[in-house]
Amino acid sequence: MKFTEKAWKIFNQSIQDYHIKDNVNQNINNPYPQDKIEHLLYLKNWIDTVQWHLEDLIRDENIDPIEALRLKRWIDQSNQERTDRVENLDSWFLQKYENVNVLPQAKINTESPAWAIDRFSILALKIYHMKAEAERQDAGIEHKQSCRKKLEILQQQYIDLSTAIEELLEDYSAGRKYMKVYKQMKMYNDEELNPVLYNRNK
């Protein structure tokens, strides 16, 4: 099975599992062993799925400001966790291809494989929710038709993105490209780099 096929299956499993309860406060029940790549893929998409619904909740125009702040901080924390899991994925890829004989003319890619997988995970969520909108019983015909057209585009994007990811992985395996990963070095969560945080006790 291709890597993208495996990832897509796991992403959709995570999405389906979440929507059994459809509650951002529910606990994750990751079915895969912790030392396996499947565990990391499931966890990555679960974080994305919860955050998808947090982003919906915070856009309620009548939301209590205190609750909105709580959700905003939760989203910030989720973004950090998402980034951490992407870096875990890249570490896995780095180890997978560490013994490849890199060709002299090998090139670097504009993004690492894990960030492409990140977009792949979000795409699974877009397709799931656009399909739901296209089939909504209480929606009008124009709404459904519009969503069906968008769904067709998203499904084409699935073909394009999965193909591009597989080609990238083949290039790594053959030494035609090499990995070079830059850690995100986010500053706003770091008490030594965010001036609002490091100046608060002065």
N, C-alpha and C. Protein backbone atom coordinates (compact mmCIF):
# COMPACT_ATOMS: atom_id res chain seq x y z
N MET A 1 0.84 -1.19 0.00
CA MET A 1 0.00 0.00 0.00
C MET A 1 0.88 1.25 0.00
N LYS A 2 0.55 2.22 -0.85
CA LYS A 2 1.29 3.47 -0.90
C LYS A 2 1.11 4.24 0.41
N PHE A 3 2.09 5.10 0.70
CA PHE A 3 2.01 5.86 1.95
C PHE A 3 0.76 6.73 1.99
N THR A 4 0.43 7.39 0.88
CA THR A 4 -0.74 8.27 0.87
C THR A 4 -2.04 7.48 1.04
N GLU A 5 -2.09 6.26 0.52
CA GLU A 5 -3.27 5.41 0.70
C GLU A 5 -3.45 5.06 2.17
N LYS A 6 -2.34 4.70 2.81
CA LYS A 6 -2.39 4.39 4.24
C LYS A 6 -2.81 5.62 5.05
N ALA A 7 -2.19 6.75 4.76
CA ALA A 7 -2.50 7.98 5.50
C ALA A 7 -3.96 8.38 5.31
N TRP A 8 -4.44 8.30 4.08
CA TRP A 8 -5.82 8.70 3.79
C TRP A 8 -6.82 7.82 4.55
N LYS A 9 -6.54 6.53 4.58
CA LYS A 9 -7.41 5.60 5.31
C LYS A 9 -7.44 5.93 6.79
N ILE A 10 -6.28 6.23 7.36
CA ILE A 10 -6.19 6.54 8.79
C ILE A 10 -6.82 7.89 9.09
N PHE A 11 -6.60 8.88 8.23
CA PHE A 11 -7.22 10.20 8.44
C PHE A 11 -8.74 10.08 8.48
N ASN A 12 -9.29 9.34 7.54
CA ASN A 12 -10.75 9.20 7.49
C ASN A 12 -11.28 8.35 8.64
N GLN A 13 -10.47 7.43 9.12
CA GLN A 13 -10.85 6.66 10.32
C GLN A 13 -10.94 7.60 11.52
N SER A 14 -9.95 8.48 11.66
CA SER A 14 -9.95 9.46 12.75
C SER A 14 -11.17 10.38 12.67
N ILE A 15 -11.47 10.85 11.47
CA ILE A 15 -12.61 11.75 11.28
C ILE A 15 -13.92 11.06 11.63
N GLN A 16 -14.07 9.82 11.17
CA GLN A 16 -15.28 9.07 11.48
C GLN A 16 -15.40 8.82 12.99
N ASP A 17 -14.28 8.47 13.61
CA ASP A 17 -14.29 8.22 15.06
C ASP A 17 -14.69 9.48 15.82
N TYR A 18 -14.16 10.63 15.41
CA TYR A 18 -14.50 11.88 16.09
C TYR A 18 -16.01 12.16 16.00
N HIS A 19 -16.58 11.94 14.83
CA HIS A 19 -17.97 12.33 14.61
C HIS A 19 -18.98 11.36 15.21
N ILE A 20 -18.52 10.29 15.82
CA ILE A 20 -19.44 9.44 16.58
C ILE A 20 -20.06 10.25 17.72
N LYS A 21 -19.23 11.03 18.39
CA LYS A 21 -19.72 11.90 19.48
C LYS A 21 -19.78 13.36 19.03
N ASP A 22 -18.90 13.74 18.11
CA ASP A 22 -18.86 15.11 17.58
C ASP A 22 -18.79 16.14 18.70
N ASN A 23 -17.78 15.96 19.56
CA ASN A 23 -17.62 16.83 20.73
C ASN A 23 -16.14 17.13 20.91
N VAL A 24 -15.80 18.42 20.94
CA VAL A 24 -14.39 18.80 21.04
C VAL A 24 -13.75 18.38 22.36
N ASN A 25 -14.58 18.10 23.36
CA ASN A 25 -14.06 17.74 24.68
C ASN A 25 -13.84 16.24 24.86
N GLN A 26 -14.18 15.45 23.87
CA GLN A 26 -14.02 14.01 24.00
C GLN A 26 -12.54 13.62 23.97
N ASN A 27 -12.21 12.50 24.59
CA ASN A 27 -10.84 12.01 24.60
C ASN A 27 -10.54 11.20 23.35
N ILE A 28 -9.32 11.29 22.90
CA ILE A 28 -8.89 10.49 21.77
C ILE A 28 -8.72 9.04 22.20
N ASN A 29 -9.07 8.13 21.31
CA ASN A 29 -8.87 6.70 21.55
C ASN A 29 -8.10 6.14 20.36
N ASN A 30 -6.80 6.43 20.36
CA ASN A 30 -5.95 6.05 19.22
C ASN A 30 -5.79 4.53 19.19
N PRO A 31 -6.22 3.87 18.11
CA PRO A 31 -6.20 2.40 18.07
C PRO A 31 -4.85 1.79 17.71
N TYR A 32 -3.86 2.62 17.41
CA TYR A 32 -2.59 2.10 16.91
C TYR A 32 -1.49 2.14 17.98
N PRO A 33 -0.55 1.21 17.94
CA PRO A 33 0.56 1.20 18.91
C PRO A 33 1.35 2.50 18.84
N GLN A 34 1.79 2.96 20.00
CA GLN A 34 2.40 4.28 20.11
C GLN A 34 3.71 4.41 19.33
N ASP A 35 4.39 3.31 19.08
CA ASP A 35 5.67 3.37 18.38
C ASP A 35 5.53 3.20 16.87
N LYS A 36 4.30 3.22 16.35
CA LYS A 36 4.07 3.02 14.92
C LYS A 36 3.70 4.34 14.24
N ILE A 37 4.04 4.44 12.96
CA ILE A 37 3.72 5.65 12.19
C ILE A 37 2.21 5.83 12.10
N GLU A 38 1.45 4.74 12.11
CA GLU A 38 -0.01 4.84 12.07
C GLU A 38 -0.55 5.62 13.27
N HIS A 39 0.06 5.42 14.43
CA HIS A 39 -0.34 6.14 15.64
C HIS A 39 -0.17 7.64 15.44
N LEU A 40 0.95 8.03 14.87
CA LEU A 40 1.25 9.44 14.66
C LEU A 40 0.31 10.06 13.63
N LEU A 41 0.00 9.31 12.58
CA LEU A 41 -0.92 9.82 11.56
C LEU A 41 -2.32 10.02 12.13
N TYR A 42 -2.77 9.06 12.93
CA TYR A 42 -4.09 9.17 13.56
C TYR A 42 -4.13 10.38 14.51
N LEU A 43 -3.10 10.52 15.32
CA LEU A 43 -3.01 11.64 16.27
C LEU A 43 -2.99 12.97 15.53
N LYS A 44 -2.22 13.04 14.46
CA LYS A 44 -2.12 14.28 13.68
C LYS A 44 -3.50 14.70 13.18
N ASN A 45 -4.25 13.76 12.59
CA ASN A 45 -5.55 14.14 12.06
C ASN A 45 -6.56 14.43 13.16
N TRP A 46 -6.45 13.73 14.29
CA TRP A 46 -7.37 14.01 15.41
C TRP A 46 -7.20 15.46 15.88
N ILE A 47 -5.97 15.91 16.01
CA ILE A 47 -5.70 17.30 16.38
C ILE A 47 -6.33 18.24 15.36
N ASP A 48 -6.15 17.93 14.08
CA ASP A 48 -6.73 18.77 13.02
C ASP A 48 -8.25 18.79 13.09
N THR A 49 -8.84 17.63 13.38
CA THR A 49 -10.30 17.52 13.42
C THR A 49 -10.89 18.31 14.58
N VAL A 50 -10.29 18.18 15.76
CA VAL A 50 -10.76 18.96 16.91
C VAL A 50 -10.61 20.45 16.62
N GLN A 51 -9.48 20.85 16.04
CA GLN A 51 -9.27 22.26 15.77
C GLN A 51 -10.26 22.78 14.72
N TRP A 52 -10.60 21.96 13.74
CA TRP A 52 -11.60 22.34 12.75
C TRP A 52 -12.89 22.79 13.45
N HIS A 53 -13.31 22.01 14.45
CA HIS A 53 -14.56 22.32 15.13
C HIS A 53 -14.40 23.46 16.14
N LEU A 54 -13.21 23.62 16.69
CA LEU A 54 -12.96 24.79 17.54
C LEU A 54 -13.08 26.08 16.71
N GLU A 55 -12.57 26.02 15.48
CA GLU A 55 -12.66 27.20 14.60
C GLU A 55 -14.11 27.52 14.27
N ASP A 56 -14.97 26.50 14.17
CA ASP A 56 -16.40 26.74 13.98
C ASP A 56 -17.00 27.41 15.20
N LEU A 57 -16.69 26.88 16.38
CA LEU A 57 -17.29 27.38 17.62
C LEU A 57 -16.93 28.84 17.88
N ILE A 58 -15.69 29.20 17.61
CA ILE A 58 -15.24 30.56 17.96
C ILE A 58 -15.84 31.62 17.03
N ARG A 59 -16.44 31.18 15.92
CA ARG A 59 -17.05 32.13 14.98
C ARG A 59 -18.52 32.42 15.28
N ASP A 60 -19.01 31.88 16.37
CA ASP A 60 -20.36 32.20 16.82
C ASP A 60 -20.41 33.67 17.24
N GLU A 61 -21.22 34.46 16.55
CA GLU A 61 -21.28 35.90 16.83
C GLU A 61 -21.79 36.21 18.23
N ASN A 62 -22.49 35.27 18.82
CA ASN A 62 -23.07 35.50 20.15
C ASN A 62 -22.26 34.85 21.26
N ILE A 63 -21.05 34.44 20.95
CA ILE A 63 -20.23 33.74 21.94
C ILE A 63 -19.84 34.68 23.08
N ASP A 64 -19.81 34.14 24.27
CA ASP A 64 -19.36 34.90 25.43
C ASP A 64 -17.87 35.25 25.27
N PRO A 65 -17.47 36.50 25.50
CA PRO A 65 -16.07 36.89 25.29
C PRO A 65 -15.07 36.05 26.09
N ILE A 66 -15.42 35.67 27.29
CA ILE A 66 -14.52 34.85 28.10
C ILE A 66 -14.35 33.47 27.47
N GLU A 67 -15.46 32.93 26.97
CA GLU A 67 -15.40 31.63 26.30
C GLU A 67 -14.60 31.74 25.00
N ALA A 68 -14.75 32.87 24.31
CA ALA A 68 -14.00 33.08 23.07
C ALA A 68 -12.50 33.11 23.35
N LEU A 69 -12.10 33.76 24.43
CA LEU A 69 -10.69 33.81 24.80
C LEU A 69 -10.17 32.42 25.15
N ARG A 70 -11.00 31.65 25.86
CA ARG A 70 -10.60 30.29 26.21
C ARG A 70 -10.38 29.45 24.95
N LEU A 71 -11.30 29.58 23.99
CA LEU A 71 -11.18 28.83 22.75
C LEU A 71 -9.97 29.30 21.93
N LYS A 72 -9.72 30.61 21.95
CA LYS A 72 -8.56 31.14 21.20
C LYS A 72 -7.27 30.56 21.74
N ARG A 73 -7.15 30.49 23.05
CA ARG A 73 -5.94 29.92 23.65
C ARG A 73 -5.85 28.42 23.38
N TRP A 74 -7.00 27.76 23.34
CA TRP A 74 -7.03 26.34 23.01
C TRP A 74 -6.56 26.13 21.56
N ILE A 75 -7.01 27.00 20.66
CA ILE A 75 -6.58 26.92 19.26
C ILE A 75 -5.09 27.17 19.13
N ASP A 76 -4.57 28.14 19.88
CA ASP A 76 -3.13 28.40 19.87
C ASP A 76 -2.36 27.17 20.33
N GLN A 77 -2.82 26.54 21.39
CA GLN A 77 -2.18 25.33 21.89
C GLN A 77 -2.27 24.22 20.85
N SER A 78 -3.41 24.11 20.19
CA SER A 78 -3.61 23.09 19.16
C SER A 78 -2.66 23.31 17.99
N ASN A 79 -2.48 24.57 17.61
CA ASN A 79 -1.54 24.88 16.52
C ASN A 79 -0.11 24.44 16.87
N GLN A 80 0.27 24.63 18.13
CA GLN A 80 1.60 24.20 18.56
C GLN A 80 1.71 22.68 18.51
N GLU A 81 0.66 21.99 18.97
CA GLU A 81 0.66 20.53 18.94
C GLU A 81 0.70 20.02 17.51
N ARG A 82 -0.04 20.69 16.63
CA ARG A 82 -0.04 20.32 15.21
C ARG A 82 1.36 20.44 14.63
N THR A 83 2.02 21.55 14.92
CA THR A 83 3.38 21.76 14.43
C THR A 83 4.34 20.71 14.99
N ASP A 84 4.20 20.40 16.26
CA ASP A 84 5.05 19.38 16.89
C ASP A 84 4.88 18.03 16.21
N ARG A 85 3.63 17.67 15.88
CA ARG A 85 3.38 16.37 15.24
C ARG A 85 3.93 16.35 13.82
N VAL A 86 3.86 17.48 13.12
CA VAL A 86 4.46 17.56 11.79
C VAL A 86 5.97 17.33 11.88
N GLU A 87 6.60 17.92 12.89
CA GLU A 87 8.04 17.73 13.06
C GLU A 87 8.36 16.29 13.44
N ASN A 88 7.48 15.65 14.20
CA ASN A 88 7.65 14.21 14.49
C ASN A 88 7.59 13.39 13.21
N LEU A 89 6.66 13.74 12.33
CA LEU A 89 6.55 13.04 11.05
C LEU A 89 7.80 13.23 10.20
N ASP A 90 8.31 14.46 10.17
CA ASP A 90 9.52 14.71 9.40
C ASP A 90 10.72 13.94 9.97
N SER A 91 10.77 13.81 11.27
CA SER A 91 11.83 13.01 11.89
C SER A 91 11.74 11.56 11.42
N TRP A 92 10.52 11.07 11.30
CA TRP A 92 10.32 9.69 10.81
C TRP A 92 10.81 9.55 9.39
N PHE A 93 10.48 10.53 8.54
CA PHE A 93 10.94 10.49 7.15
C PHE A 93 12.46 10.62 7.06
N LEU A 94 13.03 11.49 7.88
CA LEU A 94 14.48 11.65 7.88
C LEU A 94 15.17 10.33 8.19
N GLN A 95 14.64 9.62 9.18
CA GLN A 95 15.22 8.33 9.54
C GLN A 95 15.01 7.30 8.42
N LYS A 96 13.87 7.35 7.79
CA LYS A 96 13.56 6.40 6.71
C LYS A 96 14.54 6.54 5.55
N TYR A 97 14.93 7.77 5.24
CA TYR A 97 15.76 8.01 4.07
C TYR A 97 17.21 8.36 4.41
N GLU A 98 17.62 8.14 5.65
CA GLU A 98 18.96 8.57 6.07
C GLU A 98 20.09 7.82 5.36
N ASN A 99 19.84 6.59 4.89
CA ASN A 99 20.89 5.80 4.26
C ASN A 99 20.83 5.82 2.73
N VAL A 100 19.98 6.67 2.19
CA VAL A 100 19.87 6.77 0.73
C VAL A 100 21.12 7.46 0.17
N ASN A 101 21.62 6.93 -0.94
CA ASN A 101 22.75 7.54 -1.63
C ASN A 101 22.26 8.73 -2.44
N VAL A 102 22.48 9.92 -1.93
CA VAL A 102 21.97 11.13 -2.58
C VAL A 102 22.81 11.44 -3.83
N LEU A 103 22.14 11.65 -4.95
CA LEU A 103 22.83 11.91 -6.21
C LEU A 103 23.45 13.30 -6.21
N PRO A 104 24.55 13.49 -6.94
CA PRO A 104 25.23 14.80 -6.96
C PRO A 104 24.31 15.94 -7.41
N GLN A 105 23.41 15.64 -8.33
CA GLN A 105 22.51 16.66 -8.86
C GLN A 105 21.20 16.76 -8.08
N ALA A 106 21.12 16.11 -6.93
CA ALA A 106 19.89 16.10 -6.14
C ALA A 106 19.49 17.51 -5.72
N LYS A 107 18.19 17.73 -5.66
CA LYS A 107 17.66 19.04 -5.31
C LYS A 107 16.84 18.95 -4.02
N ILE A 108 16.66 20.09 -3.40
CA ILE A 108 15.82 20.16 -2.21
C ILE A 108 14.41 20.55 -2.62
N ASN A 109 13.41 20.09 -1.88
CA ASN A 109 12.02 20.43 -2.18
C ASN A 109 11.61 21.67 -1.40
N THR A 110 10.60 22.38 -1.93
CA THR A 110 10.17 23.62 -1.28
C THR A 110 9.55 23.39 0.09
N GLU A 111 8.95 22.22 0.31
CA GLU A 111 8.40 21.90 1.62
C GLU A 111 8.77 20.46 1.98
N SER A 112 8.80 20.18 3.25
CA SER A 112 9.12 18.83 3.70
C SER A 112 7.92 17.91 3.46
N PRO A 113 8.15 16.59 3.43
CA PRO A 113 7.01 15.69 3.21
C PRO A 113 5.94 15.80 4.28
N ALA A 114 6.32 16.04 5.51
CA ALA A 114 5.32 16.10 6.58
C ALA A 114 4.38 17.30 6.42
N TRP A 115 4.88 18.42 5.90
CA TRP A 115 3.99 19.56 5.70
C TRP A 115 3.04 19.30 4.54
N ALA A 116 3.46 18.50 3.56
CA ALA A 116 2.54 18.07 2.51
C ALA A 116 1.48 17.14 3.09
N ILE A 117 1.90 16.25 3.99
CA ILE A 117 0.97 15.36 4.67
C ILE A 117 0.00 16.17 5.54
N ASP A 118 0.47 17.25 6.12
CA ASP A 118 -0.39 18.15 6.89
C ASP A 118 -1.53 18.67 6.02
N ARG A 119 -1.21 19.11 4.81
CA ARG A 119 -2.25 19.60 3.89
C ARG A 119 -3.18 18.46 3.47
N PHE A 120 -2.62 17.27 3.37
CA PHE A 120 -3.40 16.08 3.02
C PHE A 120 -4.43 15.77 4.10
N SER A 121 -4.03 15.92 5.36
CA SER A 121 -4.93 15.70 6.49
C SER A 121 -6.08 16.71 6.49
N ILE A 122 -5.75 17.97 6.24
CA ILE A 122 -6.78 19.01 6.18
C ILE A 122 -7.72 18.77 5.00
N LEU A 123 -7.17 18.28 3.90
CA LEU A 123 -8.00 17.98 2.72
C LEU A 123 -9.03 16.91 3.04
N ALA A 124 -8.64 15.91 3.82
CA ALA A 124 -9.59 14.87 4.22
C ALA A 124 -10.76 15.49 4.98
N LEU A 125 -10.48 16.46 5.83
CA LEU A 125 -11.54 17.15 6.57
C LEU A 125 -12.42 17.99 5.64
N LYS A 126 -11.81 18.66 4.68
CA LYS A 126 -12.58 19.46 3.73
C LYS A 126 -13.54 18.59 2.94
N ILE A 127 -13.05 17.45 2.48
CA ILE A 127 -13.90 16.56 1.69
C ILE A 127 -15.04 16.01 2.54
N TYR A 128 -14.73 15.60 3.76
CA TYR A 128 -15.77 15.07 4.65
C TYR A 128 -16.88 16.09 4.88
N HIS A 129 -16.51 17.30 5.20
CA HIS A 129 -17.51 18.30 5.55
C HIS A 129 -18.21 18.87 4.31
N MET A 130 -17.51 18.96 3.18
CA MET A 130 -18.17 19.43 1.96
C MET A 130 -19.19 18.40 1.48
N LYS A 131 -18.86 17.12 1.62
CA LYS A 131 -19.81 16.06 1.27
C LYS A 131 -21.06 16.14 2.15
N ALA A 132 -20.84 16.41 3.44
CA ALA A 132 -21.96 16.55 4.36
C ALA A 132 -22.87 17.71 3.95
N GLU A 133 -22.25 18.82 3.53
CA GLU A 133 -23.03 19.98 3.11
C GLU A 133 -23.79 19.69 1.81
N ALA A 134 -23.16 18.94 0.92
CA ALA A 134 -23.80 18.61 -0.36
C ALA A 134 -25.00 17.68 -0.18
N GLU A 135 -25.04 17.00 0.96
CA GLU A 135 -26.13 16.05 1.23
C GLU A 135 -27.07 16.52 2.33
N ARG A 136 -26.91 17.76 2.78
CA ARG A 136 -27.72 18.27 3.88
C ARG A 136 -29.21 18.28 3.54
N GLN A 137 -30.01 17.66 4.39
CA GLN A 137 -31.44 17.53 4.11
C GLN A 137 -32.17 18.88 4.18
N ASP A 138 -31.68 19.79 5.04
CA ASP A 138 -32.38 21.07 5.22
C ASP A 138 -31.83 22.18 4.34
N ALA A 139 -30.92 21.84 3.42
CA ALA A 139 -30.31 22.85 2.54
C ALA A 139 -31.06 22.93 1.22
N GLY A 140 -30.99 24.11 0.60
CA GLY A 140 -31.65 24.31 -0.68
C GLY A 140 -30.88 23.69 -1.84
N ILE A 141 -31.51 23.65 -3.00
CA ILE A 141 -30.91 23.03 -4.18
C ILE A 141 -29.64 23.76 -4.60
N GLU A 142 -29.68 25.10 -4.60
CA GLU A 142 -28.50 25.87 -5.01
C GLU A 142 -27.32 25.59 -4.09
N HIS A 143 -27.58 25.51 -2.80
CA HIS A 143 -26.51 25.21 -1.83
C HIS A 143 -25.90 23.85 -2.12
N LYS A 144 -26.72 22.86 -2.34
CA LYS A 144 -26.23 21.51 -2.60
C LYS A 144 -25.44 21.45 -3.90
N GLN A 145 -25.95 22.12 -4.94
CA GLN A 145 -25.24 22.12 -6.22
C GLN A 145 -23.89 22.80 -6.11
N SER A 146 -23.85 23.91 -5.39
CA SER A 146 -22.59 24.62 -5.18
C SER A 146 -21.58 23.75 -4.44
N CYS A 147 -22.06 23.05 -3.42
CA CYS A 147 -21.17 22.20 -2.62
C CYS A 147 -20.70 20.99 -3.41
N ARG A 148 -21.56 20.47 -4.29
CA ARG A 148 -21.15 19.34 -5.13
C ARG A 148 -20.03 19.74 -6.09
N LYS A 149 -20.12 20.96 -6.64
CA LYS A 149 -19.07 21.45 -7.53
C LYS A 149 -17.75 21.62 -6.76
N LYS A 150 -17.85 22.16 -5.55
CA LYS A 150 -16.65 22.33 -4.72
C LYS A 150 -16.06 20.97 -4.33
N LEU A 151 -16.95 20.01 -4.09
CA LEU A 151 -16.51 18.67 -3.74
C LEU A 151 -15.74 18.03 -4.88
N GLU A 152 -16.18 18.25 -6.10
CA GLU A 152 -15.48 17.72 -7.27
C GLU A 152 -14.06 18.29 -7.35
N ILE A 153 -13.93 19.57 -7.06
CA ILE A 153 -12.61 20.21 -7.08
C ILE A 153 -11.72 19.63 -5.99
N LEU A 154 -12.28 19.44 -4.80
CA LEU A 154 -11.52 18.87 -3.69
C LEU A 154 -11.08 17.44 -4.00
N GLN A 155 -11.92 16.68 -4.67
CA GLN A 155 -11.58 15.31 -5.03
C GLN A 155 -10.46 15.28 -6.07
N GLN A 156 -10.47 16.27 -6.98
CA GLN A 156 -9.36 16.39 -7.93
C GLN A 156 -8.08 16.79 -7.21
N GLN A 157 -8.23 17.64 -6.21
CA GLN A 157 -7.08 18.04 -5.41
C GLN A 157 -6.49 16.84 -4.68
N TYR A 158 -7.35 15.92 -4.24
CA TYR A 158 -6.87 14.68 -3.61
C TYR A 158 -5.97 13.91 -4.58
N ILE A 159 -6.41 13.78 -5.82
CA ILE A 159 -5.61 13.06 -6.82
C ILE A 159 -4.28 13.75 -7.03
N ASP A 160 -4.31 15.07 -7.19
CA ASP A 160 -3.09 15.83 -7.47
C ASP A 160 -2.12 15.79 -6.29
N LEU A 161 -2.65 16.01 -5.08
CA LEU A 161 -1.78 16.08 -3.91
C LEU A 161 -1.20 14.72 -3.57
N SER A 162 -2.01 13.68 -3.62
CA SER A 162 -1.49 12.34 -3.32
C SER A 162 -0.44 11.92 -4.34
N THR A 163 -0.66 12.28 -5.61
CA THR A 163 0.33 11.98 -6.65
C THR A 163 1.63 12.72 -6.40
N ALA A 164 1.52 14.00 -6.05
CA ALA A 164 2.72 14.80 -5.80
C ALA A 164 3.50 14.28 -4.59
N ILE A 165 2.79 13.87 -3.55
CA ILE A 165 3.47 13.34 -2.36
C ILE A 165 4.19 12.04 -2.70
N GLU A 166 3.53 11.15 -3.44
CA GLU A 166 4.15 9.88 -3.80
C GLU A 166 5.38 10.11 -4.68
N GLU A 167 5.29 11.05 -5.59
CA GLU A 167 6.44 11.36 -6.45
C GLU A 167 7.60 11.93 -5.63
N LEU A 168 7.28 12.75 -4.64
CA LEU A 168 8.32 13.29 -3.78
C LEU A 168 9.01 12.18 -2.99
N LEU A 169 8.22 11.27 -2.44
CA LEU A 169 8.80 10.16 -1.68
C LEU A 169 9.65 9.25 -2.57
N GLU A 170 9.22 9.07 -3.81
CA GLU A 170 10.02 8.28 -4.76
C GLU A 170 11.35 8.98 -5.06
N ASP A 171 11.30 10.31 -5.17
CA ASP A 171 12.53 11.07 -5.42
C ASP A 171 13.50 10.95 -4.24
N TYR A 172 12.96 10.99 -3.02
CA TYR A 172 13.82 10.79 -1.85
C TYR A 172 14.44 9.40 -1.86
N SER A 173 13.62 8.42 -2.15
CA SER A 173 14.08 7.03 -2.13
C SER A 173 15.17 6.79 -3.18
N ALA A 174 15.06 7.49 -4.30
CA ALA A 174 16.04 7.31 -5.39
C ALA A 174 17.21 8.26 -5.29
N GLY A 175 17.19 9.17 -4.31
CA GLY A 175 18.29 10.11 -4.15
C GLY A 175 18.23 11.30 -5.08
N ARG A 176 17.12 11.46 -5.79
CA ARG A 176 16.98 12.61 -6.69
C ARG A 176 16.68 13.90 -5.94
N LYS A 177 16.15 13.77 -4.72
CA LYS A 177 15.95 14.91 -3.84
C LYS A 177 16.44 14.52 -2.45
N TYR A 178 16.75 15.51 -1.64
CA TYR A 178 17.21 15.24 -0.28
C TYR A 178 16.42 16.09 0.70
N MET A 179 16.27 15.56 1.90
CA MET A 179 15.51 16.27 2.93
C MET A 179 16.40 17.22 3.72
N LYS A 180 15.85 18.37 3.97
CA LYS A 180 16.49 19.34 4.85
C LYS A 180 15.37 20.01 5.63
N VAL A 181 15.27 19.71 6.90
CA VAL A 181 14.13 20.15 7.70
C VAL A 181 14.52 21.29 8.62
N TYR A 182 13.74 22.35 8.57
CA TYR A 182 13.92 23.47 9.49
C TYR A 182 12.82 23.41 10.55
N LYS A 183 13.20 23.38 11.80
CA LYS A 183 12.21 23.44 12.86
C LYS A 183 11.49 24.78 12.79
N GLN A 184 10.23 24.80 13.20
CA GLN A 184 9.41 25.99 13.02
C GLN A 184 9.87 27.17 13.87
N MET A 185 10.44 26.88 15.02
CA MET A 185 10.94 27.95 15.90
C MET A 185 9.88 29.03 16.15
N LYS A 186 8.68 28.58 16.49
CA LYS A 186 7.61 29.54 16.79
C LYS A 186 8.02 30.40 17.99
N MET A 187 7.72 31.68 17.90
CA MET A 187 8.18 32.62 18.92
C MET A 187 7.08 33.02 19.91
N TYR A 188 5.82 32.98 19.48
CA TYR A 188 4.78 33.55 20.35
C TYR A 188 4.49 32.71 21.57
N ASN A 189 4.84 31.41 21.55
CA ASN A 189 4.62 30.56 22.71
C ASN A 189 5.84 30.46 23.63
N ASP A 190 6.93 31.06 23.22
CA ASP A 190 8.19 30.93 23.95
C ASP A 190 8.37 32.12 24.89
N GLU A 191 8.49 31.85 26.18
CA GLU A 191 8.60 32.94 27.17
C GLU A 191 9.90 33.73 27.02
N GLU A 192 10.87 33.17 26.32
CA GLU A 192 12.13 33.89 26.12
C GLU A 192 12.16 34.67 24.81
N LEU A 193 11.14 34.49 23.96
CA LEU A 193 11.15 35.14 22.64
C LEU A 193 9.96 36.07 22.43
N ASN A 194 8.89 35.91 23.17
CA ASN A 194 7.73 36.77 23.05
C ASN A 194 7.87 37.91 24.06
N PRO A 195 8.02 39.18 23.58
CA PRO A 195 8.25 40.30 24.51
C PRO A 195 7.11 40.53 25.50
N VAL A 196 5.88 40.18 25.11
CA VAL A 196 4.76 40.33 26.03
C VAL A 196 4.95 39.40 27.23
N LEU A 197 5.49 38.21 26.96
CA LEU A 197 5.70 37.22 28.04
C LEU A 197 6.92 37.55 28.87
N TYR A 198 8.06 37.86 28.21
CA TYR A 198 9.26 38.07 29.02
C TYR A 198 9.32 39.43 29.71
N ASN A 199 8.40 40.34 29.33
CA ASN A 199 8.35 41.65 30.01
C ASN A 199 7.25 41.74 31.07
N ARG A 200 6.47 40.66 31.25
CA ARG A 200 5.28 40.75 32.10
C ARG A 200 5.64 40.92 33.58
N ASN A 201 6.82 40.46 33.98
CA ASN A 201 7.19 40.53 35.41
C ASN A 201 8.12 41.72 35.71
N LYS A 202 8.30 42.58 34.74
CA LYS A 202 9.21 43.72 34.97
C LYS A 202 8.45 44.88 35.58
